[in-house]
Amino acid sequence: MPKYTFKCEHGHEIQTHVSSSVKSLPCKICNLEMNRLMPTLNGPANVRELIDKYTGITHIDGQLDLIKERRDDYYWAVEVPRFVNSGTYSIETMLENGWITVDDAGKILINNKPLAKR
């Protein structure tokens, strides 16, 4: 059964589980009729998504951009050196993906930042 809020003319208010067909109840305090209230939809203006239910950290403005930036940083700091050092990829593939560059002296450098941040 759903939980509804009922209120009488004197301001007494109760919340109780009743059938959806129940529109009014007698007030236990003043014996007047209590009418069922409509649910309030006055929630917070910002929609917040719970990210960590144990610490209570919620979604903040720009959170998705921050997460994407962290993923990009991890990719370039951890994954790219692993790709380069694995020996699986050819020099041409690594150059195309921007994982390595060749400096003026002909030395191969492993990039640790995405192309947009260089």
N, C-alpha and C. Protein backbone atom coordinates (compact mmCIF):
# COMPACT_ATOMS: atom_id res chain seq x y z
N MET A 1 0.83 -1.18 0.00
CA MET A 1 0.00 0.00 0.00
C MET A 1 0.88 1.25 0.00
N PRO A 2 0.44 2.27 -0.71
CA PRO A 2 1.22 3.51 -0.72
C PRO A 2 1.02 4.30 0.56
N LYS A 3 1.99 5.17 0.85
CA LYS A 3 1.93 6.02 2.03
C LYS A 3 1.44 7.40 1.61
N TYR A 4 0.36 7.88 2.27
CA TYR A 4 -0.22 9.18 1.95
C TYR A 4 -0.18 10.07 3.17
N THR A 5 -0.21 11.38 2.92
CA THR A 5 -0.28 12.38 3.98
C THR A 5 -1.70 12.93 4.03
N PHE A 6 -2.26 12.98 5.23
CA PHE A 6 -3.60 13.52 5.44
C PHE A 6 -3.49 14.70 6.40
N LYS A 7 -4.38 15.72 6.18
CA LYS A 7 -4.36 16.92 7.01
C LYS A 7 -5.78 17.39 7.26
N CYS A 8 -6.06 17.82 8.51
CA CYS A 8 -7.39 18.33 8.84
C CYS A 8 -7.38 19.85 8.85
N GLU A 9 -8.55 20.47 9.09
CA GLU A 9 -8.68 21.94 9.07
C GLU A 9 -7.88 22.60 10.18
N HIS A 10 -7.66 21.90 11.29
CA HIS A 10 -6.91 22.45 12.42
C HIS A 10 -5.40 22.32 12.23
N GLY A 11 -4.97 21.70 11.15
CA GLY A 11 -3.54 21.59 10.86
C GLY A 11 -2.89 20.31 11.34
N HIS A 12 -3.69 19.41 11.92
CA HIS A 12 -3.11 18.12 12.34
C HIS A 12 -2.79 17.31 11.08
N GLU A 13 -1.64 16.70 11.10
CA GLU A 13 -1.17 16.00 9.90
C GLU A 13 -0.63 14.64 10.29
N ILE A 14 -0.98 13.63 9.48
CA ILE A 14 -0.45 12.28 9.70
C ILE A 14 -0.06 11.69 8.35
N GLN A 15 0.84 10.73 8.41
CA GLN A 15 1.21 9.95 7.23
C GLN A 15 0.90 8.51 7.55
N THR A 16 0.18 7.86 6.65
CA THR A 16 -0.20 6.48 6.90
C THR A 16 -0.29 5.71 5.58
N HIS A 17 -0.17 4.41 5.68
CA HIS A 17 -0.29 3.53 4.52
C HIS A 17 -1.76 3.15 4.38
N VAL A 18 -2.38 3.56 3.28
CA VAL A 18 -3.78 3.23 3.00
C VAL A 18 -3.91 2.92 1.52
N SER A 19 -5.06 2.39 1.15
CA SER A 19 -5.35 2.10 -0.23
C SER A 19 -5.44 3.40 -1.02
N SER A 20 -5.16 3.34 -2.30
CA SER A 20 -5.21 4.55 -3.12
C SER A 20 -6.63 5.08 -3.30
N SER A 21 -7.65 4.29 -2.98
CA SER A 21 -9.03 4.74 -3.11
C SER A 21 -9.48 5.57 -1.91
N VAL A 22 -8.73 5.56 -0.79
CA VAL A 22 -9.09 6.32 0.41
C VAL A 22 -8.76 7.79 0.18
N LYS A 23 -9.78 8.66 0.26
CA LYS A 23 -9.59 10.10 0.02
C LYS A 23 -9.61 10.90 1.32
N SER A 24 -10.20 10.35 2.39
CA SER A 24 -10.25 11.06 3.67
C SER A 24 -10.29 10.07 4.82
N LEU A 25 -9.87 10.57 5.98
CA LEU A 25 -9.85 9.79 7.23
C LEU A 25 -10.34 10.69 8.36
N PRO A 26 -10.88 10.11 9.44
CA PRO A 26 -11.22 10.94 10.60
C PRO A 26 -9.96 11.29 11.39
N CYS A 27 -9.86 12.54 11.86
CA CYS A 27 -8.72 12.98 12.65
C CYS A 27 -8.81 12.34 14.03
N LYS A 28 -7.71 11.77 14.51
CA LYS A 28 -7.70 11.11 15.82
C LYS A 28 -7.66 12.12 16.96
N ILE A 29 -7.32 13.37 16.67
CA ILE A 29 -7.21 14.39 17.72
C ILE A 29 -8.49 15.19 17.85
N CYS A 30 -9.03 15.71 16.71
CA CYS A 30 -10.20 16.59 16.80
C CYS A 30 -11.45 15.99 16.15
N ASN A 31 -11.38 14.79 15.63
CA ASN A 31 -12.49 14.07 15.00
C ASN A 31 -13.04 14.75 13.75
N LEU A 32 -12.34 15.73 13.18
CA LEU A 32 -12.75 16.32 11.91
C LEU A 32 -12.24 15.43 10.78
N GLU A 33 -12.73 15.71 9.58
CA GLU A 33 -12.32 14.93 8.43
C GLU A 33 -10.93 15.38 7.96
N MET A 34 -10.03 14.45 7.75
CA MET A 34 -8.69 14.73 7.21
C MET A 34 -8.69 14.39 5.73
N ASN A 35 -8.29 15.34 4.91
CA ASN A 35 -8.23 15.11 3.47
C ASN A 35 -6.83 14.70 3.05
N ARG A 36 -6.79 13.86 2.04
CA ARG A 36 -5.50 13.41 1.52
C ARG A 36 -4.85 14.54 0.73
N LEU A 37 -3.58 14.79 0.99
CA LEU A 37 -2.84 15.85 0.31
C LEU A 37 -2.20 15.30 -0.95
N MET A 38 -2.02 16.20 -1.90
CA MET A 38 -1.29 15.84 -3.12
C MET A 38 0.20 15.79 -2.76
N PRO A 39 0.95 14.93 -3.40
CA PRO A 39 2.39 14.90 -3.10
C PRO A 39 3.05 16.20 -3.52
N THR A 40 4.01 16.63 -2.73
CA THR A 40 4.74 17.85 -3.08
C THR A 40 5.87 17.50 -4.03
N LEU A 41 6.04 18.32 -5.00
CA LEU A 41 7.09 18.10 -5.99
C LEU A 41 8.15 19.20 -5.91
N ASN A 42 8.30 19.75 -4.72
CA ASN A 42 9.25 20.83 -4.51
C ASN A 42 10.62 20.28 -4.14
N GLY A 43 11.16 19.45 -5.00
CA GLY A 43 12.48 18.88 -4.74
C GLY A 43 13.56 19.90 -5.03
N PRO A 44 14.80 19.51 -4.86
CA PRO A 44 15.90 20.43 -5.13
C PRO A 44 15.94 20.82 -6.61
N ALA A 45 16.39 22.04 -6.87
CA ALA A 45 16.45 22.54 -8.24
C ALA A 45 17.48 21.78 -9.06
N ASN A 46 18.58 21.39 -8.43
CA ASN A 46 19.62 20.65 -9.13
C ASN A 46 19.39 19.16 -8.93
N VAL A 47 19.43 18.42 -10.01
CA VAL A 47 19.32 16.97 -9.88
C VAL A 47 20.68 16.46 -9.46
N ARG A 48 20.69 15.67 -8.40
CA ARG A 48 21.95 15.15 -7.89
C ARG A 48 21.92 13.64 -7.96
N GLU A 49 23.00 13.09 -8.42
CA GLU A 49 23.14 11.66 -8.54
C GLU A 49 24.14 11.20 -7.48
N LEU A 50 23.74 10.21 -6.69
CA LEU A 50 24.64 9.71 -5.66
C LEU A 50 25.72 8.89 -6.32
N ILE A 51 26.96 9.32 -6.13
CA ILE A 51 28.09 8.63 -6.74
C ILE A 51 28.65 7.58 -5.80
N ASP A 52 28.79 7.92 -4.54
CA ASP A 52 29.33 6.99 -3.56
C ASP A 52 28.36 6.90 -2.38
N LYS A 53 27.62 5.80 -2.30
CA LYS A 53 26.60 5.68 -1.27
C LYS A 53 27.20 5.53 0.13
N TYR A 54 28.47 5.18 0.24
CA TYR A 54 29.07 5.01 1.56
C TYR A 54 29.56 6.33 2.15
N THR A 55 30.09 7.20 1.30
CA THR A 55 30.56 8.49 1.81
C THR A 55 29.55 9.60 1.61
N GLY A 56 28.51 9.36 0.77
CA GLY A 56 27.49 10.36 0.54
C GLY A 56 27.90 11.43 -0.46
N ILE A 57 28.98 11.20 -1.22
CA ILE A 57 29.42 12.16 -2.21
C ILE A 57 28.42 12.16 -3.36
N THR A 58 27.98 13.35 -3.76
CA THR A 58 26.96 13.46 -4.80
C THR A 58 27.53 14.10 -6.05
N HIS A 59 26.75 14.01 -7.09
CA HIS A 59 27.11 14.60 -8.38
C HIS A 59 27.10 16.11 -8.25
N ILE A 60 28.13 16.75 -8.73
CA ILE A 60 28.20 18.21 -8.70
C ILE A 60 28.29 18.72 -10.12
N ASP A 61 28.05 20.03 -10.30
CA ASP A 61 28.17 20.61 -11.63
C ASP A 61 29.58 20.40 -12.16
N GLY A 62 29.68 19.93 -13.38
CA GLY A 62 30.98 19.69 -13.99
C GLY A 62 31.62 18.37 -13.60
N GLN A 63 30.90 17.53 -12.87
CA GLN A 63 31.46 16.25 -12.41
C GLN A 63 31.81 15.35 -13.59
N LEU A 64 30.94 15.30 -14.59
CA LEU A 64 31.20 14.43 -15.74
C LEU A 64 32.44 14.89 -16.50
N ASP A 65 32.64 16.20 -16.61
CA ASP A 65 33.85 16.71 -17.26
C ASP A 65 35.09 16.36 -16.44
N LEU A 66 34.97 16.44 -15.13
CA LEU A 66 36.09 16.09 -14.26
C LEU A 66 36.45 14.62 -14.38
N ILE A 67 35.45 13.75 -14.43
CA ILE A 67 35.69 12.31 -14.58
C ILE A 67 36.35 12.03 -15.92
N LYS A 68 35.88 12.67 -17.00
CA LYS A 68 36.48 12.47 -18.32
C LYS A 68 37.94 12.93 -18.32
N GLU A 69 38.21 14.05 -17.67
CA GLU A 69 39.58 14.56 -17.61
C GLU A 69 40.49 13.58 -16.85
N ARG A 70 39.98 13.01 -15.77
CA ARG A 70 40.77 12.03 -15.01
C ARG A 70 41.03 10.79 -15.82
N ARG A 71 40.02 10.34 -16.59
CA ARG A 71 40.22 9.16 -17.45
C ARG A 71 41.27 9.43 -18.51
N ASP A 72 41.21 10.64 -19.10
CA ASP A 72 42.21 11.00 -20.11
C ASP A 72 43.60 11.04 -19.51
N ASP A 73 43.72 11.64 -18.32
CA ASP A 73 45.03 11.71 -17.66
C ASP A 73 45.56 10.32 -17.35
N TYR A 74 44.69 9.43 -16.87
CA TYR A 74 45.10 8.05 -16.57
C TYR A 74 45.55 7.35 -17.85
N TYR A 75 44.78 7.53 -18.92
CA TYR A 75 45.11 6.88 -20.19
C TYR A 75 46.51 7.28 -20.65
N TRP A 76 46.79 8.58 -20.61
CA TRP A 76 48.08 9.05 -21.12
C TRP A 76 49.22 8.79 -20.14
N ALA A 77 48.95 8.74 -18.86
CA ALA A 77 50.02 8.53 -17.89
C ALA A 77 50.32 7.06 -17.66
N VAL A 78 49.32 6.18 -17.82
CA VAL A 78 49.51 4.76 -17.49
C VAL A 78 49.41 3.86 -18.72
N GLU A 79 48.32 4.00 -19.46
CA GLU A 79 48.07 3.08 -20.58
C GLU A 79 49.03 3.30 -21.75
N VAL A 80 49.26 4.55 -22.13
CA VAL A 80 50.12 4.82 -23.28
C VAL A 80 51.53 4.28 -23.06
N PRO A 81 52.18 4.55 -21.92
CA PRO A 81 53.50 3.94 -21.72
C PRO A 81 53.46 2.40 -21.77
N ARG A 82 52.38 1.83 -21.30
CA ARG A 82 52.25 0.37 -21.36
C ARG A 82 52.15 -0.11 -22.80
N PHE A 83 51.37 0.61 -23.63
CA PHE A 83 51.28 0.25 -25.05
C PHE A 83 52.64 0.33 -25.73
N VAL A 84 53.35 1.42 -25.46
CA VAL A 84 54.64 1.65 -26.11
C VAL A 84 55.65 0.60 -25.68
N ASN A 85 55.71 0.30 -24.41
CA ASN A 85 56.70 -0.64 -23.89
C ASN A 85 56.34 -2.09 -24.13
N SER A 86 55.12 -2.38 -24.56
CA SER A 86 54.71 -3.77 -24.77
C SER A 86 55.38 -4.39 -26.00
N GLY A 87 55.72 -3.56 -26.98
CA GLY A 87 56.32 -4.09 -28.20
C GLY A 87 55.28 -4.65 -29.15
N THR A 88 54.02 -4.51 -28.86
CA THR A 88 52.95 -5.04 -29.70
C THR A 88 52.68 -4.16 -30.90
N TYR A 89 52.84 -2.86 -30.74
CA TYR A 89 52.48 -1.90 -31.77
C TYR A 89 53.71 -1.46 -32.55
N SER A 90 53.49 -1.18 -33.83
CA SER A 90 54.59 -0.71 -34.67
C SER A 90 54.84 0.77 -34.40
N ILE A 91 56.00 1.25 -34.82
CA ILE A 91 56.35 2.68 -34.67
C ILE A 91 55.32 3.55 -35.39
N GLU A 92 54.90 3.11 -36.59
CA GLU A 92 53.93 3.88 -37.37
C GLU A 92 52.60 4.02 -36.62
N THR A 93 52.13 2.94 -36.02
CA THR A 93 50.88 2.97 -35.26
C THR A 93 51.00 3.90 -34.06
N MET A 94 52.11 3.83 -33.37
CA MET A 94 52.31 4.68 -32.19
C MET A 94 52.40 6.15 -32.58
N LEU A 95 53.03 6.44 -33.72
CA LEU A 95 53.09 7.83 -34.20
C LEU A 95 51.71 8.34 -34.61
N GLU A 96 50.92 7.48 -35.32
CA GLU A 96 49.57 7.87 -35.74
C GLU A 96 48.68 8.19 -34.55
N ASN A 97 48.78 7.41 -33.49
CA ASN A 97 47.95 7.61 -32.30
C ASN A 97 48.47 8.70 -31.39
N GLY A 98 49.65 9.20 -31.68
CA GLY A 98 50.22 10.27 -30.87
C GLY A 98 50.83 9.79 -29.57
N TRP A 99 51.07 8.49 -29.47
CA TRP A 99 51.64 7.94 -28.25
C TRP A 99 53.11 8.31 -28.11
N ILE A 100 53.79 8.43 -29.26
CA ILE A 100 55.21 8.80 -29.24
C ILE A 100 55.43 9.96 -30.22
N THR A 101 56.49 10.67 -30.00
CA THR A 101 56.93 11.71 -30.94
C THR A 101 58.44 11.56 -31.10
N VAL A 102 58.94 12.17 -32.15
CA VAL A 102 60.38 12.15 -32.40
C VAL A 102 60.85 13.59 -32.30
N ASP A 103 61.83 13.83 -31.42
CA ASP A 103 62.34 15.21 -31.26
C ASP A 103 63.33 15.54 -32.37
N ASP A 104 63.87 16.75 -32.34
CA ASP A 104 64.79 17.22 -33.38
C ASP A 104 66.08 16.40 -33.44
N ALA A 105 66.46 15.80 -32.33
CA ALA A 105 67.69 15.01 -32.30
C ALA A 105 67.44 13.57 -32.76
N GLY A 106 66.17 13.24 -33.09
CA GLY A 106 65.85 11.89 -33.54
C GLY A 106 65.54 10.94 -32.42
N LYS A 107 65.40 11.46 -31.21
CA LYS A 107 65.11 10.62 -30.05
C LYS A 107 63.59 10.42 -29.93
N ILE A 108 63.18 9.18 -29.64
CA ILE A 108 61.75 8.87 -29.50
C ILE A 108 61.32 9.22 -28.07
N LEU A 109 60.24 10.00 -27.97
CA LEU A 109 59.70 10.42 -26.67
C LEU A 109 58.29 9.86 -26.50
N ILE A 110 58.03 9.32 -25.31
CA ILE A 110 56.68 8.85 -25.01
C ILE A 110 55.88 10.04 -24.51
N ASN A 111 54.73 10.27 -25.14
CA ASN A 111 53.87 11.38 -24.73
C ASN A 111 53.06 10.98 -23.51
N ASN A 112 52.93 11.89 -22.58
CA ASN A 112 52.12 11.60 -21.40
C ASN A 112 50.93 12.55 -21.28
N LYS A 113 50.60 13.24 -22.38
CA LYS A 113 49.44 14.11 -22.39
C LYS A 113 48.71 13.93 -23.71
N PRO A 114 47.39 14.11 -23.70
CA PRO A 114 46.65 14.03 -24.97
C PRO A 114 47.04 15.18 -25.89
N LEU A 115 46.77 15.01 -27.17
CA LEU A 115 47.15 16.01 -28.16
C LEU A 115 46.59 17.39 -27.84
N ALA A 116 45.36 17.45 -27.32
CA ALA A 116 44.73 18.74 -27.04
C ALA A 116 45.43 19.50 -25.92
N LYS A 117 46.15 18.82 -25.03
CA LYS A 117 46.82 19.46 -23.89
C LYS A 117 48.28 19.75 -24.12
N ARG A 118 48.81 19.39 -25.29
CA ARG A 118 50.22 19.64 -25.57
C ARG A 118 50.45 21.02 -26.06
